[in-house]
């Protein structure tokens, strides 16, 4: 059953909305969400200039919802327009905008006017940039009206004004937006600001210290705000906040919302949450003999006492959460260094975090500094290890840690390598890119597979660290290792690609695993495929959250999230990705060419 309807003159396949701030960095990720079942999707809010947002961690699961401080990361209006013009979108799209000053909004609207999208959202309510921009514009009826009116004068698109649940009195602000020409209201943005403190360190978890609260816990606030506004205004309402299943979506519709927005549930339930909820609503309509979902909107305002409706108990809610991800703070228990101290492996207890799979990763957090993704290089008997080299300020801080100092572990994250369907594996990587292959090779040996590694590096110190890890695992004698270095200080002199065909001829692998820079992976895939050998590669992308929410790591061609659908991809898949080896995105979402 499809409950198609019209919203502000645009036909939608259902009443669900992907809320702004969830994915939305790439148009392919928005398309992916639409194809997964969303009725309409919203971009991340776009501002006048490029903005990297706040330092990580930017999202934290506090057990009853999420708290986030992404900080309106975006590539800026000019790059957004340039990318939009290259993308052929044939699905309903809401473009969200924000400004530092009221005067920014009409300029943004004017720059967007020639683009083909369905609705324009004015975000006047973001919480986690209050220290930079002052209180949200939506706290003021006058400013909300001024901004709405100025945008309406610059656009032909229906305008949706996104309000804050923290406004001291939301009704006069909503009326001001409606009187100024708003075509619809989005109620609401995140609640707060709030804060989560790690009791292991007595420090706030978020890089911004505080952030907006979303998820299950704020549903009653959403329902109350929608219920109150439905009685006071005449424009449609998009109810957003705390919707995770059929029951919560029905509550928001019965309170008076025309559409319901989904955000945090993309993390807790996965992209299938859109289709599951809509199936549940369809079942509710059919079971209770409504003609359409239109009859459900505002039902709580004219409900007769004594009526009873049967609500599906299981439909519309995936039986299990999308992923089982744990966060814990652990002290460093052991540190293993290479001969010059340039590469270290940090070991932690993993007793209650669950066994990871080879190829997965964790987000490592140093309280008060930052959070970054790291591959699992070691796992044995509930001890987990991460190998690292200095690449910037955060990795330098990790290298400076001493035993007993705390690190936050969020994971295991992402997908894993395929280890069960082949017999003879060749693992190829250089320097610190070999990190995931120590754990992987150990698991392959445990499964009875034949394993060979070709390890490349600039000098002997960039690769000799792998021997100590393999010995620690007790698997070094069962793994054949080929070594090459650029300076000839260990093994053969040269690059991996200089000797790869020779090693392939000797090993005769039936499956290959790769890890390293994208240009290297491109060249290596070409060699393997030329020999008729299939395989997988682990790739790196900018990850601000690591849990599939922020959208920074999404691939342009498919919308797949490297932190969820990756980081491991098949050779054939990567060959079909146009951006692979050419460019990636920075913290703002702006495109950066790969050297």
Foldseek 3Di string as FASTA:
>chain_A
DFFWDDAPRDIWRDQEEADAQFAQLFVLLLVVLVVLFGREYEHHAAFAAADLWFFPPAWDCPPFFIFGGLGSQAHHLVLVLVRQVVDDDDHAYEYEYEYLDLVRLLVSLQSCAVGDHAEYEYEQQFDNCCVPSNHGLLLDLVSLLSSLLSSVVRHPHQYEYEHALPRPDNQSSVVSNVVSPHQEYEPHDFDDFDFDAAPVVRFTNGLSRTGGTAAQVCLVSLLVVLLVNQVRDDHAYEGEGHDQFQVSQLSNQLSAHSHYYDARNCQFANSNLNVQNVVQVVVQCVQQVPPHCVCSGNCNVDPDPPDDGDGDDPGSHPPGTPDDKDKDKWFFADWDAFPVLQKIKTKTFQPPGDDDAQAFWKWKADGNPHTDIFGWQDDDPRMTITMDGDDDDVRVVVSPDDGGHMMMTIDRWADHFDQPPFAFEEEEEEQSQCRSVNHVVLVNVVVVHQAEYEYEYAAPRSPVSSQVRNVVSVNNVRYHYAYEHCVCNDHHHDDCVVCVVVVCVVRVGQEYEYTDAQVVVVVVLVVCVVVVHKYKYFYDADDNNLRSTSNQQAQNPNSDHCRYNHSIDISVVLVPRPCGQAWGARSSSDIDGDD
